[in-house]
Amino acid sequence: MKLGKAAGPDGVPVEVWNALRGRPLRTSLYADDIALVADNQEELEEKVQLWQRALADNDLRLNVKNTKFISSEQCAGSILNCQGEAIEKVEEFRYLGSDLSEEGTVDQAVRGRINAAWLKTVMRPALLYGSECWAVGKEQERQLHAAEMRMLRWACVWTRRDRVRNEDVRAVMKTTPIQLKMREQRLRWYGHVLRRPEDHPVRLALDFEAPGKRPRGAPRKRWKDVIKRDLAEVGATADDALDRMRWRQITRTADPATARD
């Protein structure tokens, strides 16, 4: 899209809407996701071509590869766009995180929710068990991120060949990156330690400095170094930890599905 083109409240450029004004379209729109509804195959093909021309007139294009159609009746295996390219007919597809099928059932949607629940209640706790005490570096975070994404894609029945971005996979599964959940666990434990009496073993261990000099060069990160970075990222100080409720609000990183205003 050219810079400066105004978008409507649904994210669709105003000029595209103006080009379509007066046309009896039944649509569901959100940003660059458009769903068209038609009574028959011929009508749907006409609407697709109408949208494609309107988009082209505003320097936008229809992504034919990612465009599919679904039908509740028997029809041909494809429809054609303006360039004569075939748009594939499928039995089910995902629109804005919901799985729709030609039979009108919710089987796939239910399976997706079960997979998401399994990932959050089984996979993530297994990956992060004991992580509140890890002095992780960028390489370890990268490995955990890669493992998490493999499992998320498996739950969505997507592979890297589908060319779906990680951000889109997370949006469907409604999961926060595992690095942020690990930071949340570290800071939760750090706050718990700071609220203990100064003579408590965990406080003594926190303040302990091993004798001797650290090797020259780039030394390995200590747990306290990682915590210092975490505090800077969330904009908190050690004093904030003394207020348990405030600390929880500052350090918590909720999944999109459970986020609160």
C-alpha atoms as a PDB file:
ATOM      1  CA  MET A   1       0.000   0.000   0.000  1.00  0.00           C
ATOM      2  CA  LYS A   2       1.319   3.480  -0.767  1.00  0.00           C
ATOM      3  CA  LEU A   3       2.254   5.581   2.239  1.00  0.00           C
ATOM      4  CA  GLY A   4      -0.350   8.182   3.120  1.00  0.00           C
ATOM      5  CA  LYS A   5      -3.394   6.133   2.129  1.00  0.00           C
ATOM      6  CA  ALA A   6      -5.961   6.431   4.902  1.00  0.00           C
ATOM      7  CA  ALA A   7      -7.372   3.232   6.373  1.00  0.00           C
ATOM      8  CA  GLY A   8     -10.870   2.864   7.754  1.00  0.00           C
ATOM      9  CA  PRO A   9     -11.642   1.577  11.280  1.00  0.00           C
ATOM     10  CA  ASP A  10     -11.477  -2.003   9.987  1.00  0.00           C
ATOM     11  CA  GLY A  11      -8.015  -1.443   8.497  1.00  0.00           C
ATOM     12  CA  VAL A  12      -9.219  -1.531   4.865  1.00  0.00           C
ATOM     13  CA  PRO A  13      -8.070   1.538   2.866  1.00  0.00           C
ATOM     14  CA  VAL A  14     -10.825   4.117   2.448  1.00  0.00           C
ATOM     15  CA  GLU A  15     -10.114   4.372  -1.289  1.00  0.00           C
ATOM     16  CA  VAL A  16     -10.825   0.654  -1.694  1.00  0.00           C
ATOM     17  CA  TRP A  17     -14.175   1.095   0.051  1.00  0.00           C
ATOM     18  CA  ASN A  18     -14.991   4.064  -2.188  1.00  0.00           C
ATOM     19  CA  ALA A  19     -14.267   1.949  -5.272  1.00  0.00           C
ATOM     20  CA  LEU A  20     -16.727  -0.659  -4.011  1.00  0.00           C
ATOM     21  CA  ARG A  21     -19.427   1.759  -2.866  1.00  0.00           C
ATOM     22  CA  GLY A  22     -22.880   0.851  -4.036  1.00  0.00           C
ATOM     23  CA  ARG A  23     -21.994  -2.786  -4.629  1.00  0.00           C
ATOM     24  CA  PRO A  24     -24.101  -5.275  -2.614  1.00  0.00           C
ATOM     25  CA  LEU A  25     -21.239  -7.099  -0.878  1.00  0.00           C
ATOM     26  CA  ARG A  26     -21.569  -9.299   2.169  1.00  0.00           C
ATOM     27  CA  THR A  27     -18.143  -9.213   3.783  1.00  0.00           C
ATOM     28  CA  SER A  28     -16.264  -9.793   7.005  1.00  0.00           C
ATOM     29  CA  LEU A  29     -13.205  -7.581   7.237  1.00  0.00           C
ATOM     30  CA  TYR A  30     -10.297  -7.192   9.594  1.00  0.00           C
ATOM     31  CA  ALA A  31      -7.080  -5.458   8.448  1.00  0.00           C
ATOM     32  CA  ASP A  32      -5.805  -7.538   5.510  1.00  0.00           C
ATOM     33  CA  ASP A  33      -8.136 -10.506   6.144  1.00  0.00           C
ATOM     34  CA  ILE A  34     -11.278 -10.420   3.971  1.00  0.00           C
ATOM     35  CA  ALA A  35     -14.068 -13.019   3.899  1.00  0.00           C
ATOM     36  CA  LEU A  36     -16.684 -12.823   1.140  1.00  0.00           C
ATOM     37  CA  VAL A  37     -20.103 -14.493   1.314  1.00  0.00           C
ATOM     38  CA  ALA A  38     -22.074 -15.457  -1.813  1.00  0.00           C
ATOM     39  CA  ASP A  39     -25.139 -17.533  -2.698  1.00  0.00           C
ATOM     40  CA  ASN A  40     -23.433 -19.488  -5.472  1.00  0.00           C
ATOM     41  CA  GLN A  41     -20.094 -20.113  -7.156  1.00  0.00           C
ATOM     42  CA  GLU A  42     -20.651 -17.611  -9.982  1.00  0.00           C
ATOM     43  CA  GLU A  43     -21.511 -14.813  -7.577  1.00  0.00           C
ATOM     44  CA  LEU A  44     -18.442 -15.553  -5.444  1.00  0.00           C
ATOM     45  CA  GLU A  45     -16.172 -15.503  -8.484  1.00  0.00           C
ATOM     46  CA  GLU A  46     -17.608 -12.136  -9.518  1.00  0.00           C
ATOM     47  CA  LYS A  47     -17.034 -10.684  -6.040  1.00  0.00           C
ATOM     48  CA  VAL A  48     -13.459 -11.933  -5.886  1.00  0.00           C
ATOM     49  CA  GLN A  49     -12.710 -10.295  -9.214  1.00  0.00           C
ATOM     50  CA  LEU A  50     -14.401  -7.071  -8.105  1.00  0.00           C
ATOM     51  CA  TRP A  51     -12.275  -6.921  -4.961  1.00  0.00           C
ATOM     52  CA  GLN A  52      -9.152  -7.766  -6.904  1.00  0.00           C
ATOM     53  CA  ARG A  53      -9.710  -4.881  -9.315  1.00  0.00           C
ATOM     54  CA  ALA A  54     -10.431  -2.453  -6.469  1.00  0.00           C
ATOM     55  CA  LEU A  55      -7.277  -3.524  -4.643  1.00  0.00           C
ATOM     56  CA  ALA A  56      -5.162  -3.239  -7.790  1.00  0.00           C
ATOM     57  CA  ASP A  57      -6.466   0.296  -8.422  1.00  0.00           C
ATOM     58  CA  ASN A  58      -5.051   1.224  -4.994  1.00  0.00           C
ATOM     59  CA  ASP A  59      -1.651  -0.427  -5.419  1.00  0.00           C
ATOM     60  CA  LEU A  60      -2.641  -3.521  -3.421  1.00  0.00           C
ATOM     61  CA  ARG A  61      -2.827  -7.109  -4.566  1.00  0.00           C
ATOM     62  CA  LEU A  62      -4.725 -10.266  -3.772  1.00  0.00           C
ATOM     63  CA  ASN A  63      -2.501 -13.049  -2.430  1.00  0.00           C
ATOM     64  CA  VAL A  64      -3.861 -15.925  -4.496  1.00  0.00           C
ATOM     65  CA  LYS A  65      -1.746 -18.533  -2.704  1.00  0.00           C
ATOM     66  CA  ASN A  66      -3.310 -17.709   0.660  1.00  0.00           C
ATOM     67  CA  THR A  67      -6.844 -17.233  -0.703  1.00  0.00           C
ATOM     68  CA  LYS A  68      -9.235 -20.187  -0.423  1.00  0.00           C
ATOM     69  CA  PHE A  69     -12.960 -20.734  -0.663  1.00  0.00           C
ATOM     70  CA  ILE A  70     -15.346 -23.088   1.059  1.00  0.00           C
ATOM     71  CA  SER A  71     -18.809 -24.213   0.014  1.00  0.00           C
ATOM     72  CA  SER A  72     -21.743 -25.899   1.706  1.00  0.00           C
ATOM     73  CA  GLU A  73     -22.850 -27.309  -1.655  1.00  0.00           C
ATOM     74  CA  GLN A  74     -21.235 -29.385  -4.366  1.00  0.00           C
ATOM     75  CA  CYS A  75     -19.292 -27.209  -6.793  1.00  0.00           C
ATOM     76  CA  ALA A  76     -16.149 -27.162  -8.904  1.00  0.00           C
ATOM     77  CA  GLY A  77     -12.737 -27.456  -7.318  1.00  0.00           C
ATOM     78  CA  SER A  78     -11.745 -23.840  -7.958  1.00  0.00           C
ATOM     79  CA  ILE A  79     -12.869 -20.383  -9.030  1.00  0.00           C
ATOM     80  CA  LEU A  80     -10.931 -17.908 -11.164  1.00  0.00           C
ATOM     81  CA  ASN A  81      -9.645 -14.441 -10.338  1.00  0.00           C
ATOM     82  CA  CYS A  82      -9.101 -11.569 -12.771  1.00  0.00           C
ATOM     83  CA  GLN A  83      -5.871 -13.044 -14.146  1.00  0.00           C
ATOM     84  CA  GLY A  84      -7.446 -16.442 -14.670  1.00  0.00           C
ATOM     85  CA  GLU A  85      -5.562 -17.927 -11.714  1.00  0.00           C
ATOM     86  CA  ALA A  86      -7.359 -20.668  -9.817  1.00  0.00           C
ATOM     87  CA  ILE A  87      -8.467 -20.115  -6.222  1.00  0.00           C
ATOM     88  CA  GLU A  88      -8.583 -23.482  -4.498  1.00  0.00           C
ATOM     89  CA  LYS A  89     -11.631 -24.974  -2.807  1.00  0.00           C
ATOM     90  CA  VAL A  90     -10.913 -26.448   0.641  1.00  0.00           C
ATOM     91  CA  GLU A  91     -12.907 -28.380   3.209  1.00  0.00           C
ATOM     92  CA  GLU A  92     -11.849 -26.205   6.138  1.00  0.00           C
ATOM     93  CA  PHE A  93      -9.782 -23.099   6.819  1.00  0.00           C
ATOM     94  CA  ARG A  94      -8.859 -20.725   9.628  1.00  0.00           C
ATOM     95  CA  TYR A  95     -10.174 -17.144   9.720  1.00  0.00           C
ATOM     96  CA  LEU A  96      -9.090 -14.800  12.517  1.00  0.00           C
ATOM     97  CA  GLY A  97      -8.136 -17.722  14.735  1.00  0.00           C
ATOM     98  CA  SER A  98     -11.364 -19.703  14.246  1.00  0.00           C
ATOM     99  CA  ASP A  99     -11.558 -22.913  12.217  1.00  0.00           C
ATOM    100  CA  LEU A 100     -14.468 -23.092   9.767  1.00  0.00           C
ATOM    101  CA  SER A 101     -15.575 -26.199   7.877  1.00  0.00           C
ATOM    102  CA  GLU A 102     -17.844 -26.791   4.891  1.00  0.00           C
ATOM    103  CA  GLU A 103     -20.060 -28.937   7.117  1.00  0.00           C
ATOM    104  CA  GLY A 104     -20.504 -26.119   9.611  1.00  0.00           C
ATOM    105  CA  THR A 105     -19.065 -28.172  12.482  1.00  0.00           C
ATOM    106  CA  VAL A 106     -16.631 -26.970  15.171  1.00  0.00           C
ATOM    107  CA  ASP A 107     -14.570 -30.159  15.418  1.00  0.00           C
ATOM    108  CA  GLN A 108     -11.374 -28.517  14.195  1.00  0.00           C
ATOM    109  CA  ALA A 109     -11.871 -25.480  16.448  1.00  0.00           C
ATOM    110  CA  VAL A 110     -12.332 -27.719  19.482  1.00  0.00           C
ATOM    111  CA  ARG A 111      -9.201 -29.702  18.608  1.00  0.00           C
ATOM    112  CA  GLY A 112      -7.272 -26.448  18.325  1.00  0.00           C
ATOM    113  CA  ARG A 113      -8.393 -25.293  21.763  1.00  0.00           C
ATOM    114  CA  ILE A 114      -7.448 -28.680  23.250  1.00  0.00           C
ATOM    115  CA  ASN A 115      -3.992 -28.413  21.677  1.00  0.00           C
ATOM    116  CA  ALA A 116      -3.581 -24.893  23.051  1.00  0.00           C
ATOM    117  CA  ALA A 117      -4.594 -26.034  26.543  1.00  0.00           C
ATOM    118  CA  TRP A 118      -2.169 -28.969  26.341  1.00  0.00           C
ATOM    119  CA  LEU A 119       0.668 -26.674  25.321  1.00  0.00           C
ATOM    120  CA  LYS A 120       0.064 -24.268  28.197  1.00  0.00           C
ATOM    121  CA  THR A 121      -0.525 -26.863  30.904  1.00  0.00           C
ATOM    122  CA  VAL A 122       1.987 -29.556  29.878  1.00  0.00           C
ATOM    123  CA  MET A 123       4.579 -28.361  27.383  1.00  0.00           C
ATOM    124  CA  ARG A 124       5.388 -24.951  28.837  1.00  0.00           C
ATOM    125  CA  PRO A 125       5.714 -26.102  32.478  1.00  0.00           C
ATOM    126  CA  ALA A 126       7.977 -28.936  31.315  1.00  0.00           C
ATOM    127  CA  LEU A 127      10.231 -26.535  29.376  1.00  0.00           C
ATOM    128  CA  LEU A 128      10.384 -23.973  32.185  1.00  0.00           C
ATOM    129  CA  TYR A 129      10.689 -26.280  35.181  1.00  0.00           C
ATOM    130  CA  GLY A 130      13.357 -24.771  37.461  1.00  0.00           C
ATOM    131  CA  SER A 131      14.042 -21.901  35.036  1.00  0.00           C
ATOM    132  CA  GLU A 132      13.589 -19.270  37.748  1.00  0.00           C
ATOM    133  CA  CYS A 133      17.131 -20.102  38.870  1.00  0.00           C
ATOM    134  CA  TRP A 134      18.755 -20.266  35.432  1.00  0.00           C
ATOM    135  CA  ALA A 135      21.345 -17.706  34.360  1.00  0.00           C
ATOM    136  CA  VAL A 136      20.300 -17.999  30.728  1.00  0.00           C
ATOM    137  CA  GLY A 137      22.085 -16.425  27.798  1.00  0.00           C
ATOM    138  CA  LYS A 138      20.825 -15.563  24.327  1.00  0.00           C
ATOM    139  CA  GLU A 139      21.752 -18.996  22.946  1.00  0.00           C
ATOM    140  CA  GLN A 140      19.735 -20.861  25.579  1.00  0.00           C
ATOM    141  CA  GLU A 141      16.768 -18.552  24.995  1.00  0.00           C
ATOM    142  CA  ARG A 142      17.036 -19.196  21.253  1.00  0.00           C
ATOM    143  CA  GLN A 143      16.951 -22.962  21.816  1.00  0.00           C
ATOM    144  CA  LEU A 144      13.869 -22.741  24.032  1.00  0.00           C
ATOM    145  CA  HIS A 145      12.164 -20.429  21.543  1.00  0.00           C
ATOM    146  CA  ALA A 146      12.852 -22.844  18.678  1.00  0.00           C
ATOM    147  CA  ALA A 147      11.521 -25.813  20.668  1.00  0.00           C
ATOM    148  CA  GLU A 148       8.362 -23.907  21.592  1.00  0.00           C
ATOM    149  CA  MET A 149       7.706 -22.838  18.001  1.00  0.00           C
ATOM    150  CA  ARG A 150       8.065 -26.422  16.748  1.00  0.00           C
ATOM    151  CA  MET A 151       5.386 -27.529  19.213  1.00  0.00           C
ATOM    152  CA  LEU A 152       3.086 -24.603  18.396  1.00  0.00           C
ATOM    153  CA  ARG A 153       3.328 -25.336  14.677  1.00  0.00           C
ATOM    154  CA  TRP A 154       2.682 -29.001  15.352  1.00  0.00           C
ATOM    155  CA  ALA A 155      -0.485 -28.078  17.254  1.00  0.00           C
ATOM    156  CA  CYS A 156      -1.608 -25.880  14.324  1.00  0.00           C
ATOM    157  CA  VAL A 157      -0.701 -28.611  11.809  1.00  0.00           C
ATOM    158  CA  TRP A 158       1.674 -26.135  10.128  1.00  0.00           C
ATOM    159  CA  THR A 159       5.265 -26.595   9.059  1.00  0.00           C
ATOM    160  CA  ARG A 160       7.927 -24.123   7.974  1.00  0.00           C
ATOM    161  CA  ARG A 161       6.970 -24.924   4.380  1.00  0.00           C
ATOM    162  CA  ASP A 162       3.585 -23.279   4.953  1.00  0.00           C
ATOM    163  CA  ARG A 163       5.452 -19.971   5.334  1.00  0.00           C
ATOM    164  CA  VAL A 164       3.331 -18.831   8.270  1.00  0.00           C
ATOM    165  CA  ARG A 165       5.082 -16.260  10.421  1.00  0.00           C
ATOM    166  CA  ASN A 166       5.848 -17.024  14.064  1.00  0.00           C
ATOM    167  CA  GLU A 167       3.762 -14.015  15.109  1.00  0.00           C
ATOM    168  CA  ASP A 168       0.736 -15.414  13.283  1.00  0.00           C
ATOM    169  CA  VAL A 169       1.201 -18.842  14.885  1.00  0.00           C
ATOM    170  CA  ARG A 170       1.289 -17.212  18.322  1.00  0.00           C
ATOM    171  CA  ALA A 171      -1.804 -15.155  17.526  1.00  0.00           C
ATOM    172  CA  VAL A 172      -3.738 -18.319  16.664  1.00  0.00           C
ATOM    173  CA  MET A 173      -2.532 -20.231  19.731  1.00  0.00           C
ATOM    174  CA  LYS A 174      -2.769 -17.147  21.977  1.00  0.00           C
ATOM    175  CA  THR A 175       0.601 -17.683  23.638  1.00  0.00           C
ATOM    176  CA  THR A 176       3.211 -15.263  24.944  1.00  0.00           C
ATOM    177  CA  PRO A 177       6.829 -15.979  23.896  1.00  0.00           C
ATOM    178  CA  ILE A 178       8.482 -18.437  26.231  1.00  0.00           C
ATOM    179  CA  GLN A 179      11.330 -15.976  26.931  1.00  0.00           C
ATOM    180  CA  LEU A 180       8.843 -13.583  28.552  1.00  0.00           C
ATOM    181  CA  LYS A 181       7.240 -16.341  30.631  1.00  0.00           C
ATOM    182  CA  MET A 182      10.711 -17.368  31.793  1.00  0.00           C
ATOM    183  CA  ARG A 183      11.442 -13.766  32.794  1.00  0.00           C
ATOM    184  CA  GLU A 184       8.169 -13.703  34.706  1.00  0.00           C
ATOM    185  CA  GLN A 185       9.189 -16.809  36.664  1.00  0.00           C
ATOM    186  CA  ARG A 186      12.651 -15.381  37.461  1.00  0.00           C
ATOM    187  CA  LEU A 187      11.224 -12.115  38.738  1.00  0.00           C
ATOM    188  CA  ARG A 188       8.509 -13.874  40.742  1.00  0.00           C
ATOM    189  CA  TRP A 189      11.182 -15.916  42.516  1.00  0.00           C
ATOM    190  CA  TYR A 190      13.413 -12.842  42.936  1.00  0.00           C
ATOM    191  CA  GLY A 191      10.566 -10.991  44.644  1.00  0.00           C
ATOM    192  CA  HIS A 192       9.928 -13.976  46.900  1.00  0.00           C
ATOM    193  CA  VAL A 193      13.608 -13.997  47.924  1.00  0.00           C
ATOM    194  CA  LEU A 194      13.694 -10.255  48.655  1.00  0.00           C
ATOM    195  CA  ARG A 195      10.684 -10.538  50.960  1.00  0.00           C
ATOM    196  CA  ARG A 196      12.436 -13.123  53.135  1.00  0.00           C
ATOM    197  CA  PRO A 197      14.292 -12.029  56.308  1.00  0.00           C
ATOM    198  CA  GLU A 198      17.885 -10.936  55.748  1.00  0.00           C
ATOM    199  CA  ASP A 199      19.241 -13.923  57.693  1.00  0.00           C
ATOM    200  CA  HIS A 200      17.229 -16.441  55.643  1.00  0.00           C
ATOM    201  CA  PRO A 201      19.396 -18.903  53.652  1.00  0.00           C
ATOM    202  CA  VAL A 202      18.062 -17.708  50.283  1.00  0.00           C
ATOM    203  CA  ARG A 203      18.875 -14.083  51.134  1.00  0.00           C
ATOM    204  CA  LEU A 204      22.340 -15.071  52.251  1.00  0.00           C
ATOM    205  CA  ALA A 205      22.818 -16.981  48.984  1.00  0.00           C
ATOM    206  CA  LEU A 206      21.607 -13.985  46.955  1.00  0.00           C
ATOM    207  CA  ASP A 207      24.137 -11.655  48.572  1.00  0.00           C
ATOM    208  CA  PHE A 208      27.005 -14.168  48.557  1.00  0.00           C
ATOM    209  CA  GLU A 209      30.093 -13.182  46.545  1.00  0.00           C
ATOM    210  CA  ALA A 210      32.465 -16.007  45.665  1.00  0.00           C
ATOM    211  CA  PRO A 211      36.106 -15.210  46.553  1.00  0.00           C
ATOM    212  CA  GLY A 212      38.657 -14.684  43.797  1.00  0.00           C
ATOM    213  CA  LYS A 213      38.692 -12.778  40.517  1.00  0.00           C
ATOM    214  CA  ARG A 214      36.541 -13.456  37.516  1.00  0.00           C
ATOM    215  CA  PRO A 215      38.429 -14.416  34.344  1.00  0.00           C
ATOM    216  CA  ARG A 216      39.312 -11.723  31.852  1.00  0.00           C
ATOM    217  CA  GLY A 217      37.319 -11.305  28.681  1.00  0.00           C
ATOM    218  CA  ALA A 218      33.568 -11.611  28.502  1.00  0.00           C
ATOM    219  CA  PRO A 219      32.601 -13.494  31.684  1.00  0.00           C
ATOM    220  CA  ARG A 220      29.561 -15.718  31.861  1.00  0.00           C
ATOM    221  CA  LYS A 221      26.378 -14.062  32.990  1.00  0.00           C
ATOM    222  CA  ARG A 222      25.458 -14.574  36.610  1.00  0.00           C
ATOM    223  CA  TRP A 223      21.881 -14.967  37.774  1.00  0.00           C
ATOM    224  CA  LYS A 224      22.024 -11.476  39.278  1.00  0.00           C
ATOM    225  CA  ASP A 225      23.131 -10.103  35.895  1.00  0.00           C
ATOM    226  CA  VAL A 226      20.084 -11.641  34.229  1.00  0.00           C
ATOM    227  CA  ILE A 227      17.827 -10.230  36.962  1.00  0.00           C
ATOM    228  CA  LYS A 228      19.339  -6.779  36.463  1.00  0.00           C
ATOM    229  CA  ARG A 229      18.455  -7.004  32.777  1.00  0.00           C
ATOM    230  CA  ASP A 230      14.939  -8.222  33.602  1.00  0.00           C
ATOM    231  CA  LEU A 231      14.345  -5.297  35.976  1.00  0.00           C
ATOM    232  CA  ALA A 232      15.402  -2.830  33.308  1.00  0.00           C
ATOM    233  CA  GLU A 233      13.075  -4.432  30.748  1.00  0.00           C
ATOM    234  CA  VAL A 234       9.981  -4.187  32.976  1.00  0.00           C
ATOM    235  CA  GLY A 235      10.938  -0.829  34.508  1.00  0.00           C
ATOM    236  CA  ALA A 236      11.059  -2.091  38.112  1.00  0.00           C
ATOM    237  CA  THR A 237      13.396  -1.821  41.093  1.00  0.00           C
ATOM    238  CA  ALA A 238      14.173  -4.162  43.967  1.00  0.00           C
ATOM    239  CA  ASP A 239      12.101  -1.967  46.299  1.00  0.00           C
ATOM    240  CA  ASP A 240       8.977  -2.687  44.220  1.00  0.00           C
ATOM    241  CA  ALA A 241       9.224  -6.348  45.235  1.00  0.00           C
ATOM    242  CA  LEU A 242       8.325  -5.523  48.834  1.00  0.00           C
ATOM    243  CA  ASP A 243       4.753  -4.802  47.717  1.00  0.00           C
ATOM    244  CA  ARG A 244       3.532  -8.236  46.625  1.00  0.00           C
ATOM    245  CA  MET A 245       0.499  -7.041  44.627  1.00  0.00           C
ATOM    246  CA  ARG A 246       2.413  -4.282  42.841  1.00  0.00           C
ATOM    247  CA  TRP A 247       5.227  -6.705  42.038  1.00  0.00           C
ATOM    248  CA  ARG A 248       2.791  -9.158  40.497  1.00  0.00           C
ATOM    249  CA  GLN A 249       1.283  -6.427  38.312  1.00  0.00           C
ATOM    250  CA  ILE A 250       4.703  -5.253  37.127  1.00  0.00           C
ATOM    251  CA  THR A 251       6.231  -8.648  36.384  1.00  0.00           C
ATOM    252  CA  ARG A 252       3.276 -10.675  35.083  1.00  0.00           C
ATOM    253  CA  THR A 253       3.196 -11.404  31.353  1.00  0.00           C
ATOM    254  CA  ALA A 254      -0.248 -12.789  30.565  1.00  0.00           C
ATOM    255  CA  ASP A 255      -1.106 -14.818  27.483  1.00  0.00           C
ATOM    256  CA  PRO A 256      -3.313 -12.863  25.040  1.00  0.00           C
ATOM    257  CA  ALA A 257      -6.333 -15.035  25.866  1.00  0.00           C
ATOM    258  CA  THR A 258      -6.108 -14.218  29.576  1.00  0.00           C
ATOM    259  CA  ALA A 259      -4.881 -10.622  29.466  1.00  0.00           C
ATOM    260  CA  ARG A 260      -6.888  -8.139  31.539  1.00  0.00           C
ATOM    261  CA  ASP A 261      -7.326  -4.398  31.062  1.00  0.00           C
END
